[in-house]
Each structure stands twice: as C-alpha cells, then as structure tokens.
Amino acid sequence: MNRKYLYPVIVFVIIVILWEFLVALFGIREFILPSPSAIVVHLIDSAHSIAYHFCVTMSEAVLGFLTAVLIGVPIAVLFSYSKFAEWSFYPYIVALKVTPIIAMVPFLILWFGVGPVSKIIAAAIMAIFPIVVDTTRGLREIRPECLEMMKSFSATKRQTFMKLKLPNSIPYLFSGLKIATALSTVGAVVAEFVGSNEGLGFLILTHFYYLETATMFASLIALSAGGIVFFFIVSLIESKLLQKYGIGVEE
C-alpha cells in the first residue's frame, strides 16, 4: 500500500484502540462518549435509516456543489475579462462568504420550504466562493510570453481562452472545487439542522434529543465518509484532466 494511504490508516487504528481502551478504563457512560465498538453496533443496527438519510444529505451537497460550479465558473470567466464586472459584483460574493450560513438558512427555509431546495441553495452558497476566486486567478495568471505567442499566431479570443487560459486554470479551478466539496456538505448539514425532516443533520439532531450518542456518532461517521469520497472523486477527475492537458501531477 502507498505510504500516503498507509499512514492515515495506522493513525486511525491507533486512535480507535486508545479510544476503546480509555472508555473502558474510566467507565465513561455511553450517552457521554460511546466506545468505537458500541458505535459500530449502532451503525449496523441503524444501517437502513442511516443509508437513507446519507443519500438525502449527499444528494443535496452534490447538487449544491454542481449549482455552485454552474454559476461560479461563468462568473469567474466574466471577472477575468471585465474589471468593471469584478468591481461591481465581487463584494457580494465576499458577503456570501463572510455571512454565517446558519444566519441565512432561516430565510431560505421561509422562501423555499423545508424540502431539499433550501438545502441545495445553502450548499451552493457555501461552495461558490472558492470556485469563483480560484478560477478567476487561474484565468488571469498567464505568463506574458504565452499571451504574446498566441497573438503572434493571430489567435482569436476564443482560441486563446480554449487553448491557453482554460488549461492554465484547471489546477486553480480544482483547488477551489476540492474546498467546495467540504463546504457544500457543511452547508447542506447546517441547513438540515435548522429545519428539515430528513438527512443526516436531521438524524443527528433527533438522536441528540434522546441522548442516543452512539447513533449520532454513527451518523457522523457516515457523513465524514461521504465527504471524503466526494473529495477524492473530484481529486480523481482533476488528476485525469491534468494528465490530458499534460500538466504535471504531484505524486
């Protein structure tokens, strides 16, 4: 196994063993901190319920992520060509970033209801900032000699964009996309905490009221696993595209 993947596994195993040992040693009650073995039992017992709510949350996160991509990338292209557009709209992009999502979710639920639409919008709001910022940077940070070469070949703006700016922006774009995977998941779960009748956020909040901490941990593990898989899927797509365009990929 590649050491890059082996080391996290070793650390995880050590943490689980210590956790199990310390819970047993100090006799910590399950509703305060369940042991890993108790969490696994609850994960198996509640597998069907957790799987359903997992699908709800991750579909909201993915749809919010895709919405942010569909909106954020064109905005970045516009910003890269127009300083006027950037000066006019960039402050509002920043405002979306600095305003806590938990403060915006009640309005989204009021306007769009407790269904998935409000969760998808919350996920998109969380994800859009890194996509816009990093993609804009990638489209702008072109070496002057490369631009001069395209001009010497009488390349049109479209050709310059497709052959030079777009390939150059890919590492920057995916840097933003990988951050956006985590942010979209956070946005979806926070929205579920505020108002929802399904999803892992709803499940965690419901079991919190009954102090069913082991099931809360099981739901949290499912959420973390989904976020990790989401991140690595985007990383895999990045790797394939970088290879396609002949851009070096760090091993």
Protein backbone atom coordinates (compact mmCIF):
# COMPACT_ATOMS: atom_id res chain seq x y z
CA MET A 1 0.00 0.00 0.00
CA ASN A 2 1.20 3.51 -0.82
CA ARG A 3 2.57 5.18 2.32
CA LYS A 4 0.37 8.19 1.58
CA TYR A 5 -2.64 5.99 2.33
CA LEU A 6 -0.98 3.67 4.87
CA TYR A 7 -0.11 6.36 7.42
CA PRO A 8 -3.68 7.64 7.90
CA VAL A 9 -4.87 4.03 8.35
CA ILE A 10 -2.25 3.41 11.04
CA VAL A 11 -3.20 6.64 12.86
CA PHE A 12 -6.90 5.70 12.65
CA VAL A 13 -6.27 2.24 14.13
CA ILE A 14 -4.22 3.70 16.99
CA ILE A 15 -6.92 6.28 17.78
CA VAL A 16 -9.67 3.61 17.78
CA ILE A 17 -7.67 1.30 20.09
CA LEU A 18 -6.89 4.13 22.53
CA TRP A 19 -10.49 5.32 22.43
CA GLU A 20 -11.83 1.84 23.20
CA PHE A 21 -9.30 1.34 25.99
CA LEU A 22 -9.87 4.72 27.67
CA VAL A 23 -13.68 4.42 27.60
CA ALA A 24 -13.42 1.02 29.30
CA LEU A 25 -10.72 2.18 31.74
CA PHE A 26 -12.62 5.21 33.01
CA GLY A 27 -16.07 3.66 32.72
CA ILE A 28 -17.42 6.50 30.60
CA ARG A 29 -21.16 6.20 30.10
CA GLU A 30 -22.34 5.61 26.56
CA PHE A 31 -24.51 8.72 26.32
CA ILE A 32 -21.42 10.86 27.05
CA LEU A 33 -18.84 9.07 24.89
CA PRO A 34 -19.62 5.67 23.38
CA SER A 35 -16.85 3.23 22.59
CA PRO A 36 -15.96 2.52 18.94
CA SER A 37 -17.41 -0.99 19.29
CA ALA A 38 -20.74 0.45 20.51
CA ILE A 39 -20.76 2.88 17.59
CA VAL A 40 -20.20 0.03 15.14
CA VAL A 41 -23.10 -1.90 16.68
CA HIS A 42 -25.41 1.10 16.34
CA LEU A 43 -24.12 1.72 12.81
CA ILE A 44 -25.09 -1.84 11.84
CA ASP A 45 -28.44 -1.71 13.67
CA SER A 46 -29.38 1.64 12.07
CA ALA A 47 -27.78 0.93 8.69
CA HIS A 48 -31.01 1.21 6.70
CA SER A 49 -32.05 4.51 8.30
CA ILE A 50 -28.57 6.00 8.10
CA ALA A 51 -28.21 4.93 4.46
CA TYR A 52 -31.45 6.69 3.53
CA HIS A 53 -30.56 9.92 5.31
CA PHE A 54 -27.00 9.70 3.97
CA CYS A 55 -28.34 9.63 0.39
CA VAL A 56 -30.53 12.65 1.10
CA THR A 57 -27.69 14.75 2.55
CA MET A 58 -25.09 13.82 -0.05
CA SER A 59 -27.51 14.41 -2.93
CA GLU A 60 -28.19 17.89 -1.52
CA ALA A 61 -24.45 18.53 -1.15
CA VAL A 62 -23.61 17.29 -4.65
CA LEU A 63 -26.46 19.24 -6.28
CA GLY A 64 -25.43 22.35 -4.34
CA PHE A 65 -21.82 21.81 -5.44
CA LEU A 66 -22.85 21.43 -9.11
CA THR A 67 -25.05 24.53 -8.84
CA ALA A 68 -22.08 26.48 -7.47
CA VAL A 69 -19.92 25.22 -10.37
CA LEU A 70 -22.51 26.16 -12.99
CA ILE A 71 -22.84 29.66 -11.53
CA GLY A 72 -19.32 30.24 -10.21
CA VAL A 73 -17.26 29.31 -13.28
CA PRO A 74 -19.11 31.69 -15.68
CA ILE A 75 -18.78 34.44 -13.05
CA ALA A 76 -15.04 33.76 -12.87
CA VAL A 77 -14.76 33.93 -16.67
CA LEU A 78 -16.63 37.25 -16.62
CA PHE A 79 -14.38 38.60 -13.87
CA SER A 80 -11.26 37.54 -15.78
CA TYR A 81 -12.31 39.61 -18.80
CA SER A 82 -14.02 42.54 -17.10
CA LYS A 83 -12.62 44.56 -14.20
CA PHE A 84 -15.88 46.51 -14.16
CA ALA A 85 -17.85 43.32 -13.51
CA GLU A 86 -15.42 42.24 -10.79
CA TRP A 87 -15.53 45.62 -9.04
CA SER A 88 -19.32 45.63 -9.26
CA PHE A 89 -20.12 42.09 -8.06
CA TYR A 90 -17.11 40.77 -6.15
CA PRO A 91 -18.17 42.45 -2.86
CA TYR A 92 -21.42 40.46 -3.00
CA ILE A 93 -19.51 37.20 -3.47
CA VAL A 94 -17.45 38.11 -0.41
CA ALA A 95 -20.64 38.97 1.50
CA LEU A 96 -21.97 35.46 0.85
CA LYS A 97 -18.73 34.04 2.23
CA VAL A 98 -18.47 36.12 5.41
CA THR A 99 -22.16 35.88 6.39
CA PRO A 100 -22.63 32.75 8.54
CA ILE A 101 -24.75 30.25 6.63
CA ILE A 102 -26.75 29.48 9.76
CA ALA A 103 -27.98 33.08 9.70
CA MET A 104 -29.14 32.75 6.08
CA VAL A 105 -30.80 29.34 6.30
CA PRO A 106 -33.98 30.57 8.09
CA PHE A 107 -34.63 32.89 5.15
CA LEU A 108 -34.02 30.07 2.66
CA ILE A 109 -36.45 27.83 4.53
CA LEU A 110 -39.00 30.65 4.67
CA TRP A 111 -38.73 31.19 0.90
CA PHE A 112 -38.18 27.62 -0.34
CA GLY A 113 -39.59 25.42 2.42
CA VAL A 114 -38.04 22.62 4.48
CA GLY A 115 -37.53 20.41 1.43
CA PRO A 116 -34.28 19.80 -0.45
CA VAL A 117 -34.31 23.06 -2.43
CA SER A 118 -33.34 25.21 0.56
CA LYS A 119 -30.55 22.75 1.44
CA ILE A 120 -29.21 22.74 -2.12
CA ILE A 121 -29.14 26.54 -2.19
CA ALA A 122 -27.37 26.65 1.20
CA ALA A 123 -24.77 24.18 -0.10
CA ALA A 124 -24.27 26.27 -3.26
CA ILE A 125 -23.85 29.48 -1.26
CA MET A 126 -21.14 27.84 0.84
CA ALA A 127 -19.34 26.37 -2.17
CA ILE A 128 -19.34 29.24 -4.64
CA PHE A 129 -16.68 31.50 -3.10
CA PRO A 130 -13.56 29.29 -3.57
CA ILE A 131 -14.72 28.35 -7.07
CA VAL A 132 -15.02 31.97 -8.17
CA VAL A 133 -11.80 33.15 -6.51
CA ASP A 134 -9.53 30.30 -7.59
CA THR A 135 -10.89 30.05 -11.13
CA THR A 136 -10.55 33.81 -11.66
CA ARG A 137 -6.95 33.62 -10.50
CA GLY A 138 -6.22 30.72 -12.84
CA LEU A 139 -7.70 32.51 -15.84
CA ARG A 140 -5.63 35.61 -15.13
CA GLU A 141 -2.25 34.24 -14.13
CA ILE A 142 -0.99 33.64 -17.65
CA ARG A 143 2.66 34.16 -18.49
CA PRO A 144 3.02 37.24 -20.74
CA GLU A 145 5.17 35.36 -23.26
CA CYS A 146 2.39 32.81 -23.72
CA LEU A 147 -0.11 35.55 -24.49
CA GLU A 148 2.36 37.15 -26.89
CA MET A 149 2.82 33.84 -28.66
CA MET A 150 -0.96 33.46 -29.11
CA LYS A 151 -1.13 36.99 -30.51
CA SER A 152 1.71 36.25 -32.91
CA PHE A 153 -0.34 33.33 -34.24
CA SER A 154 -3.32 35.70 -34.70
CA ALA A 155 -5.37 33.61 -32.28
CA THR A 156 -8.89 34.82 -31.57
CA LYS A 157 -10.11 35.47 -28.02
CA ARG A 158 -11.98 32.18 -28.13
CA GLN A 159 -8.89 30.27 -29.26
CA THR A 160 -6.77 31.96 -26.59
CA PHE A 161 -9.33 31.02 -23.96
CA MET A 162 -9.71 27.40 -25.06
CA LYS A 163 -6.04 26.67 -25.82
CA LEU A 164 -4.30 28.75 -23.15
CA LYS A 165 -6.45 30.22 -20.40
CA LEU A 166 -8.72 27.24 -19.79
CA PRO A 167 -5.92 24.63 -19.47
CA ASN A 168 -3.95 27.03 -17.27
CA SER A 169 -6.93 27.49 -14.97
CA ILE A 170 -7.53 23.77 -14.34
CA PRO A 171 -5.23 23.38 -11.29
CA TYR A 172 -6.67 26.56 -9.78
CA LEU A 173 -10.24 25.52 -10.56
CA PHE A 174 -9.81 22.14 -8.89
CA SER A 175 -8.14 23.72 -5.90
CA GLY A 176 -11.40 25.63 -5.41
CA LEU A 177 -13.54 22.60 -6.24
CA LYS A 178 -11.86 20.43 -3.61
CA ILE A 179 -12.53 23.07 -0.96
CA ALA A 180 -16.07 23.40 -2.26
CA THR A 181 -16.77 19.68 -1.71
CA ALA A 182 -16.33 20.15 2.02
CA LEU A 183 -18.18 23.47 2.13
CA SER A 184 -21.19 22.18 0.19
CA THR A 185 -21.51 19.25 2.60
CA VAL A 186 -21.32 21.62 5.56
CA GLY A 187 -23.94 23.88 4.01
CA ALA A 188 -26.37 21.01 3.46
CA VAL A 189 -25.99 19.68 7.02
CA VAL A 190 -26.29 23.10 8.66
CA ALA A 191 -29.50 23.72 6.70
CA GLU A 192 -30.81 20.35 7.91
CA PHE A 193 -30.05 21.34 11.49
CA VAL A 194 -32.14 24.49 11.17
CA GLY A 195 -35.17 22.94 9.51
CA SER A 196 -35.64 19.56 7.87
CA ASN A 197 -37.47 16.27 8.16
CA GLU A 198 -34.75 14.11 6.59
CA GLY A 199 -30.99 13.98 6.11
CA LEU A 200 -28.05 13.24 8.41
CA GLY A 201 -28.29 16.64 10.05
CA PHE A 202 -31.91 15.92 10.95
CA LEU A 203 -30.93 12.41 12.14
CA ILE A 204 -28.14 13.70 14.40
CA LEU A 205 -30.38 16.39 15.88
CA THR A 206 -33.22 13.91 16.51
CA HIS A 207 -30.98 11.42 18.34
CA PHE A 208 -29.42 14.26 20.32
CA TYR A 209 -32.79 14.97 21.94
CA TYR A 210 -32.88 11.33 23.17
CA LEU A 211 -29.16 11.29 24.14
CA GLU A 212 -28.54 8.44 21.71
CA THR A 213 -24.92 9.45 21.29
CA ALA A 214 -23.74 6.23 19.64
CA THR A 215 -26.23 6.66 16.80
CA MET A 216 -25.15 10.31 16.50
CA PHE A 217 -21.56 9.15 16.10
CA ALA A 218 -22.61 6.53 13.56
CA SER A 219 -24.38 9.24 11.53
CA LEU A 220 -21.32 11.48 11.83
CA ILE A 221 -19.06 8.69 10.57
CA ALA A 222 -21.34 8.17 7.56
CA LEU A 223 -21.25 11.92 6.87
CA SER A 224 -17.45 12.05 7.13
CA ALA A 225 -17.10 9.03 4.84
CA GLY A 226 -19.37 10.65 2.26
CA GLY A 227 -17.39 13.89 2.37
CA ILE A 228 -14.08 12.04 1.97
CA VAL A 229 -15.36 10.04 -1.01
CA PHE A 230 -16.75 13.24 -2.56
CA PHE A 231 -13.35 14.94 -2.17
CA PHE A 232 -11.43 12.04 -3.69
CA ILE A 233 -13.81 11.74 -6.65
CA VAL A 234 -13.11 15.38 -7.51
CA SER A 235 -9.37 14.78 -6.95
CA LEU A 236 -9.51 11.80 -9.34
CA ILE A 237 -11.22 13.90 -12.03
CA GLU A 238 -8.54 16.56 -11.51
CA SER A 239 -5.77 14.01 -11.98
CA LYS A 240 -7.31 12.74 -15.24
CA LEU A 241 -7.71 16.25 -16.65
CA LEU A 242 -4.19 17.29 -15.69
CA GLN A 243 -2.85 14.22 -17.45
CA LYS A 244 -4.96 15.02 -20.50
CA TYR A 245 -3.56 18.53 -20.76
CA GLY A 246 -0.01 17.41 -19.92
CA ILE A 247 0.20 19.33 -16.67
CA GLY A 248 2.42 17.76 -14.01
CA VAL A 249 0.64 15.99 -11.19
CA GLU A 250 2.32 15.83 -7.82
CA GLU A 251 2.61 12.26 -6.58
